[in-house]
Amino acid sequence: MSGFFCYFYFVKIFFVDCFDAVRSLDKLTFPLASFDKKSLYPFTFIKSCLDLRVGILTLREKWQQLAITFDLEIAEGDGIEDGAIWVTKHVIPTVALIQTISNLQIGDVLSQDGTIIAFRYHKEGHLKLKKVEDDLYLLRGVEDLFLLTGTEIANDFKLLAKRTSIASVSSTNQLLGTDFYIADQVKMDCATLNSTCGPIYIDEGVTIMEGAHLRGPLYLGKGAVVKMGATIYGNVSVGRQSVVGGEVGNSIIGDFSAKGHHGYLGCSVIGDWCNLGAGTSNSNLKNNLKTVSIYDYKLGGLRDTGLLKCGIFMGDYTRTGINSSLNTGTVIGIASMLADTSFYAKFVPSFAWVFNGDTQVYNFDKFMAYLETLYRSKHEQLPERLKRELNQLNKKYN
């Protein structure tokens, strides 16, 4: 088994997808749940949970930043040895968590609300259950990604922005509040930025066109573009070289994705390399004001989120045609093409071609040809590893 190691005061920490792989836990006499990456499908189909961005940083980057803060050594490797600490990948790291897991004794099992957080490995010996004293956030389902975005932007802002940076901002813009970080080479004129409700972090090379209204908490990734007249209500994280237009609130947009036209996106998560056609909008509130259910890959069926507001969850490399309408709690797999103008089904599988009320399997060779072209258009090279993983995934589900 391979993983991602950190060292805290000579303590080795190993991130795992599932604690069922740890033989010592067979001795547990108390029931505890272990993380299953299917809970975060379609976003963990082809990437680790550690590489999901929640706020400004991915979980992996959060661990790395905290390691720098505490002058800790980070390395990668694998192996099982007494004293190694195993940490679930779906926990959002905090200073308090680092302190807690650094003090675990051999055989200690750290849990929160019946879920294993960490375990200090011992092949033999007795296991002891310890409960987390400080509140921790866990990614238990895909909806947690957008629910935690605002909080995590604020937390990451404190970690990254050592100072307010607004010196290079043109006087044509209007800034409200003081919690700003605006990197170099940002192009912005005649925009309004309001940080009174949360910080705004604008990364290098971002372009914000005239008439855009931005409210924090907000993160705009490197090279992102905000179109003219865009309205961003806050609790929004936008990835590297993505394009944003229309109305957006309480949402994550992945790297190299485009929502460049008018339409509403709310309480939603859009993967990497996605494209929302002009006029694409989603509903995030049911007309009967009942809670929203979504398709859960782990359960193989619908799960009630308990949320009144819940939008769409779109996997990587998926596209929608113009004027697409997406219902509350719609889950869409990876590498699909949606080209209807009526409401789509609440669950669209991966590698689906949806047109004129019919759903067919997307021809894989045509999809890969499109993907090669898409990467070249962004001056990126399609990784061979990704080609293999997509091919394997296509064979598994089609």
Protein backbone atom coordinates (compact mmCIF):
# COMPACT_ATOMS: atom_id res chain seq x y z
CA MET A 1 0.00 0.00 0.00
CA SER A 2 1.39 3.40 -0.92
CA GLY A 3 0.61 6.70 0.75
CA PHE A 4 1.61 10.21 1.77
CA PHE A 5 3.81 10.58 4.83
CA CYS A 6 4.43 13.43 7.24
CA TYR A 7 6.79 13.49 10.19
CA PHE A 8 5.82 15.40 13.31
CA TYR A 9 8.46 15.40 16.03
CA PHE A 10 9.80 12.04 14.76
CA VAL A 11 6.26 10.67 14.48
CA LYS A 12 5.42 9.15 11.11
CA ILE A 13 1.95 9.81 9.72
CA PHE A 14 0.46 7.76 6.91
CA PHE A 15 -2.74 8.77 5.12
CA VAL A 16 -5.13 5.95 4.25
CA ASP A 17 -8.39 5.62 2.33
CA CYS A 18 -9.74 2.88 4.53
CA PHE A 19 -8.76 1.65 7.98
CA ASP A 20 -10.06 -1.82 7.14
CA ALA A 21 -6.60 -2.41 5.68
CA VAL A 22 -5.01 -2.10 9.13
CA ARG A 23 -4.82 -5.58 10.61
CA SER A 24 -4.68 -4.44 14.23
CA LEU A 25 -8.17 -2.96 13.99
CA ASP A 26 -9.59 -6.46 13.66
CA LYS A 27 -9.22 -6.55 17.43
CA LEU A 28 -11.64 -3.67 17.97
CA THR A 29 -14.49 -4.57 20.28
CA PHE A 30 -16.34 -1.30 19.56
CA PRO A 31 -17.98 -0.47 16.20
CA LEU A 32 -16.37 2.36 14.24
CA ALA A 33 -16.90 3.53 10.67
CA SER A 34 -14.04 3.83 8.20
CA PHE A 35 -13.83 6.24 5.29
CA ASP A 36 -14.88 4.92 1.88
CA LYS A 37 -13.75 7.06 -1.07
CA LYS A 38 -16.98 6.11 -2.89
CA SER A 39 -18.69 8.57 -0.53
CA LEU A 40 -17.01 11.34 -2.53
CA TYR A 41 -17.60 9.98 -6.04
CA PRO A 42 -17.60 11.36 -8.73
CA PHE A 43 -14.79 13.61 -7.46
CA THR A 44 -12.55 10.78 -6.24
CA PHE A 45 -12.93 8.51 -9.27
CA ILE A 46 -9.50 9.49 -10.60
CA LYS A 47 -7.97 11.53 -7.79
CA SER A 48 -7.17 11.13 -4.13
CA CYS A 49 -9.38 12.72 -1.50
CA LEU A 50 -6.21 14.60 -0.48
CA ASP A 51 -6.30 16.43 -3.81
CA LEU A 52 -9.81 17.85 -3.36
CA ARG A 53 -9.82 21.61 -2.83
CA VAL A 54 -11.87 22.87 0.09
CA GLY A 55 -11.40 26.60 0.44
CA ILE A 56 -8.18 27.94 -1.08
CA LEU A 57 -6.09 24.80 -0.64
CA THR A 58 -6.49 21.11 -1.29
CA LEU A 59 -6.37 18.83 1.75
CA ARG A 60 -2.84 17.81 0.74
CA GLU A 61 -1.76 21.46 0.53
CA LYS A 62 -3.30 22.17 3.94
CA TRP A 63 -1.16 19.42 5.49
CA GLN A 64 1.91 20.76 3.70
CA GLN A 65 1.29 24.34 4.85
CA LEU A 66 0.81 23.25 8.46
CA ALA A 67 3.99 21.19 8.20
CA ILE A 68 5.87 24.34 7.12
CA THR A 69 4.29 26.34 9.95
CA PHE A 70 5.46 23.81 12.54
CA ASP A 71 8.85 23.21 10.85
CA LEU A 72 7.96 19.60 10.15
CA GLU A 73 9.61 17.31 7.62
CA ILE A 74 7.43 15.90 4.84
CA ALA A 75 8.26 12.89 2.69
CA GLU A 76 6.46 10.23 0.68
CA GLY A 77 6.74 6.48 1.10
CA ASP A 78 4.96 3.38 2.33
CA GLY A 79 5.22 0.59 4.85
CA ILE A 80 3.87 -0.56 8.20
CA GLU A 81 5.87 -0.26 11.38
CA ASP A 82 5.12 0.07 15.07
CA GLY A 83 4.54 3.67 16.06
CA ALA A 84 3.38 4.88 12.65
CA ILE A 85 0.24 7.01 12.84
CA TRP A 86 -2.43 6.38 10.23
CA VAL A 87 -4.74 9.31 9.44
CA THR A 88 -7.92 9.20 7.39
CA LYS A 89 -7.71 11.16 4.15
CA HIS A 90 -11.09 12.84 4.53
CA VAL A 91 -10.31 14.86 7.66
CA ILE A 92 -9.54 18.57 7.28
CA PRO A 93 -6.30 19.20 9.19
CA THR A 94 -6.03 21.75 11.98
CA VAL A 95 -3.38 22.78 14.48
CA ALA A 96 -5.37 21.07 17.24
CA LEU A 97 -5.50 17.81 15.25
CA ILE A 98 -1.74 17.85 14.70
CA GLN A 99 -1.18 18.31 18.41
CA THR A 100 -3.62 15.51 19.25
CA ILE A 101 -2.25 12.92 16.83
CA SER A 102 1.34 13.75 17.80
CA ASN A 103 0.47 12.73 21.36
CA LEU A 104 -1.18 9.42 20.48
CA GLN A 105 0.28 6.38 22.22
CA ILE A 106 0.81 3.04 20.47
CA GLY A 107 -2.55 1.33 20.13
CA ASP A 108 -4.60 4.54 20.47
CA VAL A 109 -7.57 4.83 18.11
CA LEU A 110 -8.83 8.40 17.65
CA SER A 111 -12.47 8.80 16.66
CA GLN A 112 -15.21 11.37 16.22
CA ASP A 113 -18.93 10.56 16.07
CA GLY A 114 -18.21 6.88 15.45
CA THR A 115 -15.69 7.50 12.65
CA ILE A 116 -11.99 6.64 12.84
CA ILE A 117 -9.77 9.71 12.51
CA ALA A 118 -6.34 8.30 13.34
CA PHE A 119 -4.64 5.20 14.71
CA ARG A 120 -1.14 4.69 16.08
CA TYR A 121 -0.10 1.38 14.65
CA HIS A 122 0.91 -1.63 16.72
CA LYS A 123 0.96 -5.17 15.37
CA GLU A 124 0.18 -6.66 18.74
CA GLY A 125 -0.89 -5.04 21.98
CA HIS A 126 -4.16 -3.59 23.19
CA LEU A 127 -6.19 -0.91 21.47
CA LYS A 128 -7.57 2.07 23.33
CA LEU A 129 -10.37 4.30 22.04
CA LYS A 130 -9.86 8.06 22.35
CA LYS A 131 -12.42 10.64 21.24
CA VAL A 132 -11.52 13.94 19.59
CA GLU A 133 -12.01 16.78 22.06
CA ASP A 134 -11.94 19.57 19.47
CA ASP A 135 -14.48 19.73 16.64
CA LEU A 136 -13.08 18.50 13.32
CA TYR A 137 -14.58 18.72 9.86
CA LEU A 138 -14.80 15.53 7.83
CA LEU A 139 -15.75 15.14 4.17
CA ARG A 140 -18.50 12.56 4.70
CA GLY A 141 -20.38 13.33 1.46
CA VAL A 142 -20.04 15.47 -1.64
CA GLU A 143 -22.24 18.20 -0.18
CA ASP A 144 -19.61 18.88 2.50
CA LEU A 145 -17.35 20.27 -0.22
CA PHE A 146 -19.53 23.34 -0.80
CA LEU A 147 -20.82 23.53 2.78
CA LEU A 148 -17.28 23.96 4.15
CA THR A 149 -15.95 26.22 1.41
CA GLY A 150 -16.57 29.55 3.14
CA THR A 151 -15.18 28.42 6.49
CA GLU A 152 -12.10 26.92 4.88
CA ILE A 153 -11.42 29.99 2.72
CA ALA A 154 -11.31 31.97 5.96
CA ASN A 155 -9.04 29.40 7.63
CA ASP A 156 -6.70 29.17 4.64
CA PHE A 157 -6.62 32.95 4.32
CA LYS A 158 -5.24 33.20 7.87
CA LEU A 159 -2.66 30.56 7.02
CA LEU A 160 -1.52 32.11 3.73
CA ALA A 161 -2.13 35.85 3.78
CA LYS A 162 0.34 37.29 6.24
CA ARG A 163 -0.58 40.79 5.16
CA THR A 164 -3.31 42.68 3.34
CA SER A 165 -2.23 43.37 -0.23
CA ILE A 166 -4.16 46.01 -2.19
CA ALA A 167 -1.36 48.33 -3.34
CA SER A 168 -1.67 47.42 -7.01
CA VAL A 169 -5.44 47.83 -7.23
CA SER A 170 -6.69 50.45 -9.67
CA SER A 171 -8.67 53.35 -8.20
CA THR A 172 -11.51 52.49 -10.59
CA ASN A 173 -12.41 49.59 -8.28
CA GLN A 174 -14.40 49.85 -5.05
CA LEU A 175 -13.19 47.82 -2.08
CA LEU A 176 -15.28 47.32 1.05
CA GLY A 177 -13.64 45.87 4.17
CA THR A 178 -9.99 45.06 4.79
CA ASP A 179 -9.55 41.28 4.33
CA PHE A 180 -7.99 41.17 0.87
CA TYR A 181 -5.04 39.44 -0.68
CA ILE A 182 -4.49 40.42 -4.30
CA ALA A 183 -1.44 38.88 -5.92
CA ASP A 184 0.78 40.26 -8.66
CA GLN A 185 -0.30 40.64 -12.27
CA VAL A 186 -4.01 40.85 -11.46
CA LYS A 187 -6.01 42.81 -14.05
CA MET A 188 -9.08 44.45 -12.56
CA ASP A 189 -11.04 47.60 -13.32
CA CYS A 190 -14.47 48.95 -12.38
CA ALA A 191 -15.29 46.04 -10.07
CA THR A 192 -16.64 45.96 -6.52
CA LEU A 193 -15.12 43.69 -3.89
CA ASN A 194 -16.78 43.26 -0.48
CA SER A 195 -14.80 41.46 2.24
CA THR A 196 -17.01 42.47 5.16
CA CYS A 197 -18.65 39.02 5.09
CA GLY A 198 -15.43 37.08 4.55
CA PRO A 199 -11.92 37.38 3.05
CA ILE A 200 -11.18 37.62 -0.67
CA TYR A 201 -8.02 35.94 -1.99
CA ILE A 202 -7.14 36.66 -5.62
CA ASP A 203 -4.23 34.62 -6.95
CA GLU A 204 -1.65 35.51 -9.59
CA GLY A 205 -2.69 36.41 -13.12
CA VAL A 206 -6.42 36.70 -12.45
CA THR A 207 -8.51 38.92 -14.75
CA ILE A 208 -11.67 40.57 -13.39
CA MET A 209 -13.63 42.42 -16.04
CA GLU A 210 -15.71 45.57 -15.65
CA GLY A 211 -18.94 45.50 -13.70
CA ALA A 212 -18.17 42.34 -11.71
CA HIS A 213 -19.50 42.26 -8.14
CA LEU A 214 -17.57 39.98 -5.78
CA ARG A 215 -18.32 39.16 -2.16
CA GLY A 216 -16.25 37.05 0.23
CA PRO A 217 -15.45 34.48 1.33
CA LEU A 218 -13.98 34.05 -2.15
CA TYR A 219 -10.95 32.44 -3.76
CA LEU A 220 -9.97 33.02 -7.39
CA GLY A 221 -7.23 30.63 -8.56
CA LYS A 222 -4.23 31.44 -10.71
CA GLY A 223 -5.14 32.71 -14.15
CA ALA A 224 -8.90 32.64 -13.51
CA VAL A 225 -11.16 35.01 -15.44
CA VAL A 226 -14.30 36.71 -14.09
CA LYS A 227 -16.48 37.92 -16.95
CA MET A 228 -18.19 41.33 -17.25
CA GLY A 229 -21.19 41.77 -14.97
CA ALA A 230 -20.58 38.55 -13.05
CA THR A 231 -22.15 38.32 -9.60
CA ILE A 232 -20.39 36.16 -7.01
CA TYR A 233 -22.26 36.03 -3.72
CA GLY A 234 -19.59 34.43 -1.55
CA ASN A 235 -18.56 31.02 -0.23
CA VAL A 236 -17.08 30.41 -3.68
CA SER A 237 -13.78 28.81 -4.69
CA VAL A 238 -12.68 28.99 -8.33
CA GLY A 239 -9.82 26.88 -9.65
CA ARG A 240 -6.80 27.58 -11.79
CA GLN A 241 -7.50 29.08 -15.24
CA SER A 242 -11.25 28.71 -14.87
CA VAL A 243 -13.79 31.18 -16.26
CA VAL A 244 -16.77 32.53 -14.32
CA GLY A 245 -19.77 34.51 -15.49
CA GLY A 246 -23.41 34.98 -14.48
CA GLU A 247 -24.45 34.30 -10.87
CA VAL A 248 -22.50 32.01 -8.54
CA GLY A 249 -22.89 31.36 -4.83
CA ASN A 250 -21.88 28.67 -2.32
CA SER A 251 -20.01 26.67 -4.93
CA ILE A 252 -16.70 25.17 -6.00
CA ILE A 253 -15.50 25.32 -9.59
CA GLY A 254 -12.51 23.12 -10.39
CA ASP A 255 -9.37 23.82 -12.42
CA PHE A 256 -9.66 24.62 -16.15
CA SER A 257 -13.46 24.69 -15.99
CA ALA A 258 -15.76 27.24 -17.61
CA LYS A 259 -19.01 28.80 -16.53
CA GLY A 260 -18.48 31.78 -18.74
CA HIS A 261 -22.04 32.81 -19.54
CA HIS A 262 -25.24 33.96 -17.86
CA GLY A 263 -27.02 31.42 -15.71
CA TYR A 264 -27.15 30.51 -12.03
CA LEU A 265 -24.86 28.10 -10.16
CA GLY A 266 -25.55 27.63 -6.47
CA CYS A 267 -24.77 25.15 -3.67
CA SER A 268 -22.85 23.09 -6.20
CA VAL A 269 -19.51 21.46 -6.98
CA ILE A 270 -18.11 21.44 -10.51
CA GLY A 271 -15.09 19.25 -11.25
CA ASP A 272 -11.97 19.96 -13.32
CA TRP A 273 -12.06 20.59 -17.08
CA CYS A 274 -15.86 20.99 -17.18
CA ASN A 275 -17.84 23.35 -19.40
CA LEU A 276 -21.30 24.78 -18.73
CA GLY A 277 -22.94 25.94 -21.95
CA ALA A 278 -24.52 29.39 -22.23
CA GLY A 279 -27.69 29.68 -20.16
CA THR A 280 -26.97 26.59 -18.04
CA SER A 281 -28.63 26.98 -14.63
CA ASN A 282 -29.32 24.78 -11.66
CA SER A 283 -32.03 24.68 -9.03
CA ASN A 284 -30.90 24.39 -5.42
CA LEU A 285 -34.30 24.56 -3.68
CA LYS A 286 -37.32 22.30 -4.12
CA ASN A 287 -40.70 23.91 -4.74
CA ASN A 288 -42.20 21.98 -1.80
CA LEU A 289 -39.37 23.16 0.50
CA LYS A 290 -38.49 19.58 1.46
CA THR A 291 -34.97 18.33 2.02
CA VAL A 292 -32.93 17.34 -1.04
CA SER A 293 -31.88 13.76 -1.79
CA ILE A 294 -28.88 12.94 -3.99
CA TYR A 295 -27.45 9.82 -5.59
CA ASP A 296 -24.80 8.26 -3.34
CA TYR A 297 -22.29 5.96 -5.10
CA LYS A 298 -21.45 4.18 -1.85
CA LEU A 299 -25.10 3.32 -1.18
CA GLY A 300 -25.96 2.76 -4.84
CA GLY A 301 -29.11 4.84 -4.43
CA LEU A 302 -30.56 8.08 -3.10
CA ARG A 303 -29.55 9.59 0.22
CA ASP A 304 -31.35 12.41 2.02
CA THR A 305 -28.83 15.19 2.63
CA GLY A 306 -31.05 16.88 5.20
CA LEU A 307 -30.42 20.13 3.33
CA LEU A 308 -33.06 22.50 2.03
CA LYS A 309 -30.56 23.95 -0.45
CA CYS A 310 -28.45 21.60 -2.52
CA GLY A 311 -27.46 22.02 -6.17
CA ILE A 312 -25.45 19.88 -8.58
CA PHE A 313 -22.34 17.72 -8.37
CA MET A 314 -20.55 17.37 -11.71
CA GLY A 315 -17.55 15.12 -12.25
CA ASP A 316 -14.42 16.02 -14.22
CA TYR A 317 -14.51 16.45 -18.02
CA THR A 318 -18.31 16.78 -18.21
CA ARG A 319 -20.06 19.34 -20.46
CA THR A 320 -23.55 20.75 -20.75
CA GLY A 321 -25.16 22.23 -23.86
CA ILE A 322 -26.77 25.68 -24.08
CA ASN A 323 -29.81 26.39 -21.88
CA SER A 324 -29.32 23.20 -19.86
CA SER A 325 -31.55 22.94 -16.78
CA LEU A 326 -30.25 20.97 -13.81
CA ASN A 327 -32.54 20.01 -10.96
CA THR A 328 -31.91 20.12 -7.22
CA GLY A 329 -29.47 17.45 -6.08
CA THR A 330 -28.34 16.32 -9.53
CA VAL A 331 -25.25 14.08 -9.57
CA ILE A 332 -23.36 13.71 -12.85
CA GLY A 333 -20.41 11.36 -13.39
CA ILE A 334 -17.19 12.11 -15.21
CA ALA A 335 -16.67 12.48 -18.96
CA SER A 336 -20.32 12.96 -19.92
CA MET A 337 -21.98 15.18 -22.51
CA LEU A 338 -25.42 16.63 -21.69
CA ALA A 339 -27.14 18.23 -24.67
CA ASP A 340 -30.85 18.47 -23.79
CA THR A 341 -32.87 21.60 -23.05
CA SER A 342 -35.28 19.89 -20.61
CA PHE A 343 -34.43 18.91 -17.04
CA TYR A 344 -31.95 16.04 -16.84
CA ALA A 345 -32.30 12.98 -14.65
CA LYS A 346 -31.18 13.42 -11.04
CA PHE A 347 -28.36 10.94 -11.71
CA VAL A 348 -26.34 10.83 -14.93
CA PRO A 349 -23.65 8.11 -15.06
CA SER A 350 -20.09 8.57 -16.27
CA PHE A 351 -19.31 8.42 -20.00
CA ALA A 352 -22.93 9.25 -20.86
CA TRP A 353 -24.11 11.01 -24.01
CA VAL A 354 -27.51 12.61 -23.29
CA PHE A 355 -29.43 14.03 -26.25
CA ASN A 356 -33.09 14.42 -27.18
CA GLY A 357 -34.31 12.56 -24.11
CA ASP A 358 -32.05 9.57 -24.74
CA THR A 359 -28.97 8.46 -22.80
CA GLN A 360 -26.28 6.48 -24.62
CA VAL A 361 -22.70 5.48 -23.88
CA TYR A 362 -20.22 8.15 -24.99
CA ASN A 363 -17.89 6.66 -27.62
CA PHE A 364 -14.64 6.41 -25.68
CA ASP A 365 -12.33 7.02 -28.64
CA LYS A 366 -14.24 10.18 -29.56
CA PHE A 367 -14.10 11.34 -25.95
CA MET A 368 -10.34 10.81 -25.78
CA ALA A 369 -9.84 12.69 -29.06
CA TYR A 370 -11.84 15.58 -27.62
CA LEU A 371 -9.79 15.45 -24.40
CA GLU A 372 -6.50 15.63 -26.32
CA THR A 373 -7.79 18.71 -28.14
CA LEU A 374 -9.04 20.26 -24.90
CA TYR A 375 -5.66 19.89 -23.18
CA ARG A 376 -3.81 21.33 -26.17
CA SER A 377 -6.16 24.34 -26.18
CA LYS A 378 -4.95 25.15 -22.65
CA HIS A 379 -1.30 24.46 -23.53
CA GLU A 380 -1.34 21.40 -21.31
CA GLN A 381 -0.31 17.82 -22.04
CA LEU A 382 -2.72 14.97 -21.32
CA PRO A 383 -0.89 12.68 -18.85
CA GLU A 384 -0.43 9.03 -19.85
CA ARG A 385 -1.45 8.02 -16.34
CA LEU A 386 -4.77 9.78 -16.78
CA LYS A 387 -5.38 8.06 -20.12
CA ARG A 388 -4.90 4.66 -18.48
CA GLU A 389 -7.14 5.49 -15.54
CA LEU A 390 -9.94 6.80 -17.75
CA ASN A 391 -9.71 3.72 -19.95
CA GLN A 392 -9.94 1.42 -16.92
CA LEU A 393 -12.87 3.39 -15.54
CA ASN A 394 -14.68 3.27 -18.86
CA LYS A 395 -14.27 -0.51 -19.05
CA LYS A 396 -15.51 -0.88 -15.48
CA TYR A 397 -18.73 1.07 -15.97
CA ASN A 398 -19.55 0.33 -19.63
